PDB file of N, CA and C in Angstrom:
ATOM      1  N   MET A   1     -13.614  -5.679 -12.342  1.00  0.00           N
ATOM      2  CA  MET A   1     -12.706  -6.124 -11.305  1.00  0.00           C
ATOM      3  C   MET A   1     -11.350  -6.425 -11.927  1.00  0.00           C
ATOM      4  N   ILE A   2     -10.313  -5.957 -11.278  1.00  0.00           N
ATOM      5  CA  ILE A   2      -8.953  -6.213 -11.730  1.00  0.00           C
ATOM      6  C   ILE A   2      -8.246  -6.999 -10.643  1.00  0.00           C
ATOM      7  N   ASP A   3      -7.724  -8.142 -10.974  1.00  0.00           N
ATOM      8  CA  ASP A   3      -7.015  -8.971 -10.014  1.00  0.00           C
ATOM      9  C   ASP A   3      -5.541  -8.939 -10.381  1.00  0.00           C
ATOM     10  N   ASP A   4      -4.774  -8.210  -9.614  1.00  0.00           N
ATOM     11  CA  ASP A   4      -3.357  -8.022  -9.924  1.00  0.00           C
ATOM     12  C   ASP A   4      -2.486  -8.765  -8.912  1.00  0.00           C
ATOM     13  N   LYS A   5      -2.753 -10.059  -8.718  1.00  0.00           N
ATOM     14  CA  LYS A   5      -1.990 -10.847  -7.750  1.00  0.00           C
ATOM     15  C   LYS A   5      -0.532 -10.993  -8.158  1.00  0.00           C
ATOM     16  N   GLY A   6      -0.249 -10.927  -9.449  1.00  0.00           N
ATOM     17  CA  GLY A   6       1.125 -11.077  -9.933  1.00  0.00           C
ATOM     18  C   GLY A   6       1.993  -9.877  -9.636  1.00  0.00           C
ATOM     19  N   ASN A   7       1.382  -8.719  -9.357  1.00  0.00           N
ATOM     20  CA  ASN A   7       2.136  -7.504  -9.107  1.00  0.00           C
ATOM     21  C   ASN A   7       1.449  -6.728  -7.983  1.00  0.00           C
ATOM     22  N   PRO A   8       1.353  -7.309  -6.778  1.00  0.00           N
ATOM     23  CA  PRO A   8       0.567  -6.692  -5.713  1.00  0.00           C
ATOM     24  C   PRO A   8       1.116  -5.342  -5.264  1.00  0.00           C
ATOM     25  N   GLY A   9       0.208  -4.480  -4.894  1.00  0.00           N
ATOM     26  CA  GLY A   9       0.596  -3.183  -4.347  1.00  0.00           C
ATOM     27  C   GLY A   9       0.911  -2.134  -5.381  1.00  0.00           C
ATOM     28  N   THR A  10       0.839  -2.475  -6.660  1.00  0.00           N
ATOM     29  CA  THR A  10       1.119  -1.468  -7.684  1.00  0.00           C
ATOM     30  C   THR A  10       0.021  -1.498  -8.731  1.00  0.00           C
ATOM     31  N   PHE A  11      -0.731  -0.440  -8.790  1.00  0.00           N
ATOM     32  CA  PHE A  11      -1.770  -0.326  -9.800  1.00  0.00           C
ATOM     33  C   PHE A  11      -1.829   1.116 -10.255  1.00  0.00           C
ATOM     34  N   TYR A  12      -1.634   1.317 -11.530  1.00  0.00           N
ATOM     35  CA  TYR A  12      -1.650   2.657 -12.088  1.00  0.00           C
ATOM     36  C   TYR A  12      -2.547   2.682 -13.311  1.00  0.00           C
ATOM     37  N   PRO A  13      -3.501   3.626 -13.388  1.00  0.00           N
ATOM     38  CA  PRO A  13      -4.266   3.771 -14.634  1.00  0.00           C
ATOM     39  C   PRO A  13      -3.326   4.144 -15.774  1.00  0.00           C
ATOM     40  N   GLY A  14      -3.716   3.857 -16.983  1.00  0.00           N
ATOM     41  CA  GLY A  14      -2.857   4.046 -18.145  1.00  0.00           C
ATOM     42  C   GLY A  14      -2.423   5.466 -18.405  1.00  0.00           C
ATOM     43  N   ASN A  15      -3.145   6.476 -17.902  1.00  0.00           N
ATOM     44  CA  ASN A  15      -2.782   7.856 -18.216  1.00  0.00           C
ATOM     45  C   ASN A  15      -1.862   8.478 -17.171  1.00  0.00           C
ATOM     46  N   THR A  16      -1.295   7.693 -16.260  1.00  0.00           N
ATOM     47  CA  THR A  16      -0.385   8.253 -15.261  1.00  0.00           C
ATOM     48  C   THR A  16       1.039   8.335 -15.771  1.00  0.00           C
ATOM     49  N   GLY A  17       1.350   7.584 -16.828  1.00  0.00           N
ATOM     50  CA  GLY A  17       2.713   7.563 -17.328  1.00  0.00           C
ATOM     51  C   GLY A  17       3.613   6.652 -16.510  1.00  0.00           C
ATOM     52  N   ILE A  18       3.033   5.867 -15.588  1.00  0.00           N
ATOM     53  CA  ILE A  18       3.815   4.987 -14.724  1.00  0.00           C
ATOM     54  C   ILE A  18       3.415   3.546 -15.001  1.00  0.00           C
ATOM     55  N   GLY A  19       4.383   2.709 -15.279  1.00  0.00           N
ATOM     56  CA  GLY A  19       4.111   1.278 -15.393  1.00  0.00           C
ATOM     57  C   GLY A  19       3.155   0.886 -16.505  1.00  0.00           C
ATOM     58  N   ASN A  20       2.737  -0.353 -16.475  1.00  0.00           N
ATOM     59  CA  ASN A  20       1.783  -0.879 -17.457  1.00  0.00           C
ATOM     60  C   ASN A  20       0.411  -0.931 -16.819  1.00  0.00           C
ATOM     61  N   SER A  21      -0.604  -0.510 -17.555  1.00  0.00           N
ATOM     62  CA  SER A  21      -1.949  -0.484 -17.023  1.00  0.00           C
ATOM     63  C   SER A  21      -2.727  -1.721 -17.431  1.00  0.00           C
ATOM     64  N   LEU A  22      -3.584  -2.171 -16.527  1.00  0.00           N
ATOM     65  CA  LEU A  22      -4.473  -3.277 -16.833  1.00  0.00           C
ATOM     66  C   LEU A  22      -5.779  -2.784 -17.449  1.00  0.00           C
ATOM     67  N   ILE A  23      -6.098  -1.497 -17.272  1.00  0.00           N
ATOM     68  CA  ILE A  23      -7.378  -0.981 -17.760  1.00  0.00           C
ATOM     69  C   ILE A  23      -7.253   0.114 -18.802  1.00  0.00           C
ATOM     70  N   GLY A  24      -6.074   0.626 -19.052  1.00  0.00           N
ATOM     71  CA  GLY A  24      -5.923   1.728 -19.994  1.00  0.00           C
ATOM     72  C   GLY A  24      -6.215   3.053 -19.315  1.00  0.00           C
ATOM     73  N   ALA A  25      -6.249   4.106 -20.109  1.00  0.00           N
ATOM     74  CA  ALA A  25      -6.441   5.456 -19.588  1.00  0.00           C
ATOM     75  C   ALA A  25      -7.858   5.637 -19.051  1.00  0.00           C
ATOM     76  N   LEU A  26      -7.978   6.425 -17.984  1.00  0.00           N
ATOM     77  CA  LEU A  26      -9.291   6.772 -17.456  1.00  0.00           C
ATOM     78  C   LEU A  26      -9.916   7.829 -18.354  1.00  0.00           C
ATOM     79  N   GLU A  27     -11.229   7.792 -18.472  1.00  0.00           N
ATOM     80  CA  GLU A  27     -11.949   8.729 -19.328  1.00  0.00           C
ATOM     81  C   GLU A  27     -12.409   9.916 -18.486  1.00  0.00           C
ATOM     82  N   ARG A  28     -12.066  11.126 -18.947  1.00  0.00           N
ATOM     83  CA  ARG A  28     -12.452  12.339 -18.235  1.00  0.00           C
ATOM     84  C   ARG A  28     -13.960  12.436 -18.099  1.00  0.00           C
ATOM     85  N   GLY A  29     -14.424  12.744 -16.891  1.00  0.00           N
ATOM     86  CA  GLY A  29     -15.847  12.893 -16.634  1.00  0.00           C
ATOM     87  C   GLY A  29     -16.549  11.588 -16.292  1.00  0.00           C
ATOM     88  N   ALA A  30     -15.865  10.445 -16.466  1.00  0.00           N
ATOM     89  CA  ALA A  30     -16.488   9.149 -16.189  1.00  0.00           C
ATOM     90  C   ALA A  30     -16.417   8.840 -14.691  1.00  0.00           C
ATOM     91  N   ARG A  31     -17.366   8.050 -14.218  1.00  0.00           N
ATOM     92  CA  ARG A  31     -17.430   7.651 -12.818  1.00  0.00           C
ATOM     93  C   ARG A  31     -16.853   6.237 -12.682  1.00  0.00           C
ATOM     94  N   TYR A  32     -16.010   6.047 -11.652  1.00  0.00           N
ATOM     95  CA  TYR A  32     -15.354   4.766 -11.433  1.00  0.00           C
ATOM     96  C   TYR A  32     -15.558   4.317  -9.990  1.00  0.00           C
ATOM     97  N   ALA A  33     -15.423   3.023  -9.772  1.00  0.00           N
ATOM     98  CA  ALA A  33     -15.490   2.453  -8.428  1.00  0.00           C
ATOM     99  C   ALA A  33     -14.185   1.716  -8.160  1.00  0.00           C
ATOM    100  N   ALA A  34     -13.757   1.742  -6.901  1.00  0.00           N
ATOM    101  CA  ALA A  34     -12.537   1.035  -6.521  1.00  0.00           C
ATOM    102  C   ALA A  34     -12.778   0.291  -5.213  1.00  0.00           C
ATOM    103  N   ARG A  35     -12.292  -0.937  -5.164  1.00  0.00           N
ATOM    104  CA  ARG A  35     -12.368  -1.735  -3.939  1.00  0.00           C
ATOM    105  C   ARG A  35     -11.087  -2.550  -3.856  1.00  0.00           C
ATOM    106  N   VAL A  36     -10.542  -2.645  -2.665  1.00  0.00           N
ATOM    107  CA  VAL A  36      -9.311  -3.389  -2.441  1.00  0.00           C
ATOM    108  C   VAL A  36      -9.648  -4.692  -1.740  1.00  0.00           C
ATOM    109  N   THR A  37      -9.019  -5.780  -2.171  1.00  0.00           N
ATOM    110  CA  THR A  37      -9.153  -7.064  -1.498  1.00  0.00           C
ATOM    111  C   THR A  37      -7.768  -7.505  -1.040  1.00  0.00           C
ATOM    112  N   VAL A  38      -7.653  -7.856   0.246  1.00  0.00           N
ATOM    113  CA  VAL A  38      -6.376  -8.270   0.824  1.00  0.00           C
ATOM    114  C   VAL A  38      -6.311  -9.793   0.853  1.00  0.00           C
ATOM    115  N   HIS A  39      -5.192 -10.328   0.379  1.00  0.00           N
ATOM    116  CA  HIS A  39      -4.911 -11.765   0.470  1.00  0.00           C
ATOM    117  C   HIS A  39      -3.577 -11.899   1.203  1.00  0.00           C
ATOM    118  N   GLU A  40      -3.601 -12.612   2.308  1.00  0.00           N
ATOM    119  CA  GLU A  40      -2.368 -12.818   3.070  1.00  0.00           C
ATOM    120  C   GLU A  40      -2.308 -14.277   3.493  1.00  0.00           C
ATOM    121  N   PHE A  41      -1.094 -14.799   3.569  1.00  0.00           N
ATOM    122  CA  PHE A  41      -0.905 -16.208   3.917  1.00  0.00           C
ATOM    123  C   PHE A  41       0.007 -16.315   5.137  1.00  0.00           C
ATOM    124  N   ASP A  42      -0.310 -17.276   6.014  1.00  0.00           N
ATOM    125  CA  ASP A  42       0.543 -17.484   7.186  1.00  0.00           C
ATOM    126  C   ASP A  42       1.785 -18.275   6.785  1.00  0.00           C
ATOM    127  N   THR A  43       2.639 -18.566   7.750  1.00  0.00           N
ATOM    128  CA  THR A  43       3.906 -19.255   7.454  1.00  0.00           C
ATOM    129  C   THR A  43       3.711 -20.682   6.949  1.00  0.00           C
ATOM    130  N   ASP A  44       2.523 -21.263   7.190  1.00  0.00           N
ATOM    131  CA  ASP A  44       2.230 -22.614   6.688  1.00  0.00           C
ATOM    132  C   ASP A  44       1.603 -22.591   5.297  1.00  0.00           C
ATOM    133  N   GLY A  45       1.401 -21.386   4.759  1.00  0.00           N
ATOM    134  CA  GLY A  45       0.811 -21.277   3.429  1.00  0.00           C
ATOM    135  C   GLY A  45      -0.705 -21.225   3.416  1.00  0.00           C
ATOM    136  N   ASN A  46      -1.317 -21.148   4.610  1.00  0.00           N
ATOM    137  CA  ASN A  46      -2.774 -21.056   4.695  1.00  0.00           C
ATOM    138  C   ASN A  46      -3.210 -19.597   4.574  1.00  0.00           C
ATOM    139  N   GLU A  47      -4.277 -19.374   3.831  1.00  0.00           N
ATOM    140  CA  GLU A  47      -4.757 -18.003   3.675  1.00  0.00           C
ATOM    141  C   GLU A  47      -5.369 -17.511   4.980  1.00  0.00           C
ATOM    142  N   VAL A  48      -4.981 -16.302   5.392  1.00  0.00           N
ATOM    143  CA  VAL A  48      -5.509 -15.668   6.603  1.00  0.00           C
ATOM    144  C   VAL A  48      -6.923 -15.198   6.296  1.00  0.00           C
ATOM    145  N   VAL A  49      -7.857 -15.459   7.216  1.00  0.00           N
ATOM    146  CA  VAL A  49      -9.251 -15.076   7.008  1.00  0.00           C
ATOM    147  C   VAL A  49      -9.481 -13.692   7.603  1.00  0.00           C
ATOM    148  N   PHE A  50      -9.960 -12.778   6.775  1.00  0.00           N
ATOM    149  CA  PHE A  50     -10.264 -11.418   7.211  1.00  0.00           C
ATOM    150  C   PHE A  50     -11.774 -11.218   7.262  1.00  0.00           C
ATOM    151  N   VAL A  51     -12.196 -10.221   8.035  1.00  0.00           N
ATOM    152  CA  VAL A  51     -13.603  -9.826   8.043  1.00  0.00           C
ATOM    153  C   VAL A  51     -13.976  -9.377   6.637  1.00  0.00           C
ATOM    154  N   ASN A  52     -15.188  -9.671   6.197  1.00  0.00           N
ATOM    155  CA  ASN A  52     -15.685  -9.284   4.867  1.00  0.00           C
ATOM    156  C   ASN A  52     -14.802  -9.862   3.759  1.00  0.00           C
ATOM    157  N   GLU A  53     -14.221 -11.018   4.010  1.00  0.00           N
ATOM    158  CA  GLU A  53     -13.351 -11.706   3.047  1.00  0.00           C
ATOM    159  C   GLU A  53     -12.195 -10.824   2.568  1.00  0.00           C
ATOM    160  N   GLY A  54     -11.773  -9.881   3.421  1.00  0.00           N
ATOM    161  CA  GLY A  54     -10.645  -9.010   3.097  1.00  0.00           C
ATOM    162  C   GLY A  54     -10.973  -7.876   2.144  1.00  0.00           C
ATOM    163  N   ARG A  55     -12.256  -7.654   1.897  1.00  0.00           N
ATOM    164  CA  ARG A  55     -12.661  -6.613   0.938  1.00  0.00           C
ATOM    165  C   ARG A  55     -12.938  -5.294   1.650  1.00  0.00           C
ATOM    166  N   SER A  56     -12.468  -4.206   1.056  1.00  0.00           N
ATOM    167  CA  SER A  56     -12.770  -2.878   1.579  1.00  0.00           C
ATOM    168  C   SER A  56     -14.150  -2.441   1.097  1.00  0.00           C
ATOM    169  N   GLU A  57     -14.594  -1.301   1.598  1.00  0.00           N
ATOM    170  CA  GLU A  57     -15.818  -0.711   1.074  1.00  0.00           C
ATOM    171  C   GLU A  57     -15.556  -0.265  -0.361  1.00  0.00           C
ATOM    172  N   VAL A  58     -16.615  -0.139  -1.134  1.00  0.00           N
ATOM    173  CA  VAL A  58     -16.481   0.369  -2.498  1.00  0.00           C
ATOM    174  C   VAL A  58     -16.441   1.889  -2.425  1.00  0.00           C
ATOM    175  N   ASN A  59     -15.434   2.480  -3.038  1.00  0.00           N
ATOM    176  CA  ASN A  59     -15.304   3.939  -3.099  1.00  0.00           C
ATOM    177  C   ASN A  59     -15.529   4.392  -4.529  1.00  0.00           C
ATOM    178  N   TRP A  60     -16.346   5.405  -4.691  1.00  0.00           N
ATOM    179  CA  TRP A  60     -16.668   5.950  -6.015  1.00  0.00           C
ATOM    180  C   TRP A  60     -15.942   7.266  -6.220  1.00  0.00           C
ATOM    181  N   PHE A  61     -15.539   7.520  -7.452  1.00  0.00           N
ATOM    182  CA  PHE A  61     -14.947   8.815  -7.785  1.00  0.00           C
ATOM    183  C   PHE A  61     -15.214   9.131  -9.252  1.00  0.00           C
ATOM    184  N   ARG A  62     -15.208  10.401  -9.561  1.00  0.00           N
ATOM    185  CA  ARG A  62     -15.335  10.856 -10.944  1.00  0.00           C
ATOM    186  C   ARG A  62     -13.975  11.408 -11.341  1.00  0.00           C
ATOM    187  N   TYR A  63     -13.453  10.917 -12.454  1.00  0.00           N
ATOM    188  CA  TYR A  63     -12.126  11.335 -12.899  1.00  0.00           C
ATOM    189  C   TYR A  63     -12.224  12.643 -13.676  1.00  0.00           C
ATOM    190  N   GLY A  64     -11.573  13.679 -13.185  1.00  0.00           N
ATOM    191  CA  GLY A  64     -11.531  14.964 -13.883  1.00  0.00           C
ATOM    192  C   GLY A  64     -12.911  15.525 -14.152  1.00  0.00           C
ATOM    193  N   LYS A  65     -12.967  16.476 -15.000  1.00  0.00           N
ATOM    194  CA  LYS A  65     -14.233  17.065 -15.406  1.00  0.00           C
ATOM    195  C   LYS A  65     -14.349  16.944 -16.912  1.00  0.00           C
ATOM    196  N   GLU A  66     -15.571  16.760 -17.360  1.00  0.00           N
ATOM    197  CA  GLU A  66     -15.780  16.732 -18.796  1.00  0.00           C
ATOM    198  C   GLU A  66     -15.361  18.059 -19.382  1.00  0.00           C
ATOM    199  N   CYS A  67     -14.740  18.040 -20.522  1.00  0.00           N
ATOM    200  CA  CYS A  67     -14.347  19.264 -21.208  1.00  0.00           C
ATOM    201  C   CYS A  67     -15.499  19.671 -22.123  1.00  0.00           C
ATOM    202  N   VAL A  68     -16.229  20.683 -21.698  1.00  0.00           N
ATOM    203  CA  VAL A  68     -17.389  21.143 -22.455  1.00  0.00           C
ATOM    204  C   VAL A  68     -17.059  22.496 -23.079  1.00  0.00           C
ATOM    205  N   SER A  69     -17.267  22.606 -24.376  1.00  0.00           N
ATOM    206  CA  SER A  69     -17.022  23.869 -25.065  1.00  0.00           C
ATOM    207  C   SER A  69     -18.061  24.900 -24.636  1.00  0.00           C
ATOM    208  N   PRO A  70     -17.643  26.162 -24.497  1.00  0.00           N
ATOM    209  CA  PRO A  70     -18.620  27.197 -24.144  1.00  0.00           C
ATOM    210  C   PRO A  70     -19.614  27.412 -25.280  1.00  0.00           C
ATOM    211  N   GLU A  71     -20.855  27.706 -24.907  1.00  0.00           N
ATOM    212  CA  GLU A  71     -21.877  27.960 -25.926  1.00  0.00           C
ATOM    213  C   GLU A  71     -21.689  29.335 -26.552  1.00  0.00           C
ATOM    214  N   SER A  72     -21.215  30.279 -25.765  1.00  0.00           N
ATOM    215  CA  SER A  72     -20.948  31.618 -26.297  1.00  0.00           C
ATOM    216  C   SER A  72     -19.938  32.313 -25.392  1.00  0.00           C
ATOM    217  N   PHE A  73     -19.267  33.292 -25.924  1.00  0.00           N
ATOM    218  CA  PHE A  73     -18.383  34.104 -25.112  1.00  0.00           C
ATOM    219  C   PHE A  73     -18.306  35.504 -25.709  1.00  0.00           C
ATOM    220  N   VAL A  74     -17.894  36.455 -24.882  1.00  0.00           N
ATOM    221  CA  VAL A  74     -17.832  37.862 -25.276  1.00  0.00           C
ATOM    222  C   VAL A  74     -16.386  38.322 -25.168  1.00  0.00           C
ATOM    223  N   ILE A  75     -15.917  39.014 -26.193  1.00  0.00           N
ATOM    224  CA  ILE A  75     -14.570  39.581 -26.189  1.00  0.00           C
ATOM    225  C   ILE A  75     -14.709  41.090 -26.052  1.00  0.00           C
ATOM    226  N   THR A  76     -14.046  41.653 -25.034  1.00  0.00           N
ATOM    227  CA  THR A  76     -14.087  43.099 -24.819  1.00  0.00           C
ATOM    228  C   THR A  76     -12.667  43.620 -24.805  1.00  0.00           C
ATOM    229  N   GLU A  77     -12.411  44.686 -25.574  1.00  0.00           N
ATOM    230  CA  GLU A  77     -11.086  45.310 -25.557  1.00  0.00           C
ATOM    231  C   GLU A  77     -10.995  46.174 -24.307  1.00  0.00           C
ATOM    232  N   THR A  78      -9.989  45.899 -23.468  1.00  0.00           N
ATOM    233  CA  THR A  78      -9.842  46.639 -22.214  1.00  0.00           C
ATOM    234  C   THR A  78      -8.706  47.652 -22.253  1.00  0.00           C
ATOM    235  N   GLY A  79      -7.966  47.685 -23.318  1.00  0.00           N
ATOM    236  CA  GLY A  79      -6.861  48.615 -23.462  1.00  0.00           C
ATOM    237  C   GLY A  79      -6.015  48.210 -24.657  1.00  0.00           C
ATOM    238  N   PRO A  80      -4.985  48.990 -24.946  1.00  0.00           N
ATOM    239  CA  PRO A  80      -4.130  48.657 -26.082  1.00  0.00           C
ATOM    240  C   PRO A  80      -3.482  47.277 -25.912  1.00  0.00           C
ATOM    241  N   GLY A  81      -3.806  46.373 -26.821  1.00  0.00           N
ATOM    242  CA  GLY A  81      -3.237  45.030 -26.788  1.00  0.00           C
ATOM    243  C   GLY A  81      -3.801  44.155 -25.678  1.00  0.00           C
ATOM    244  N   ARG A  82      -4.919  44.548 -25.065  1.00  0.00           N
ATOM    245  CA  ARG A  82      -5.504  43.772 -23.961  1.00  0.00           C
ATOM    246  C   ARG A  82      -6.969  43.449 -24.276  1.00  0.00           C
ATOM    247  N   LEU A  83      -7.342  42.205 -24.025  1.00  0.00           N
ATOM    248  CA  LEU A  83      -8.711  41.750 -24.237  1.00  0.00           C
ATOM    249  C   LEU A  83      -9.200  41.029 -22.981  1.00  0.00           C
ATOM    250  N   GLN A  84     -10.516  41.054 -22.820  1.00  0.00           N
ATOM    251  CA  GLN A  84     -11.124  40.305 -21.730  1.00  0.00           C
ATOM    252  C   GLN A  84     -12.115  39.345 -22.366  1.00  0.00           C
ATOM    253  N   LEU A  85     -12.017  38.063 -21.985  1.00  0.00           N
ATOM    254  CA  LEU A  85     -12.939  37.049 -22.497  1.00  0.00           C
ATOM    255  C   LEU A  85     -13.886  36.645 -21.367  1.00  0.00           C
ATOM    256  N   LYS A  86     -15.181  36.603 -21.688  1.00  0.00           N
ATOM    257  CA  LYS A  86     -16.180  36.155 -20.727  1.00  0.00           C
ATOM    258  C   LYS A  86     -16.987  35.053 -21.361  1.00  0.00           C
TER     259      LYS A  86
END
């Protein structure tokens, strides 16, 4: 869980090249979960009560794809100065 109350509305993973990250770069092929929690205050400074305590559903995503080296490949010459890799 990352609580970014000091800088609300801006969250960037470390590999975006934007701003400072709280978690560092995301790992390719890894699975992550994200949930947003809303905190709002009325004019008297009282916290507004939201359904589910202001929490969104948890959303899962996998960042990129793992970079897996091919086990084998075939090189075929298709013409002068031309190759086909499979």
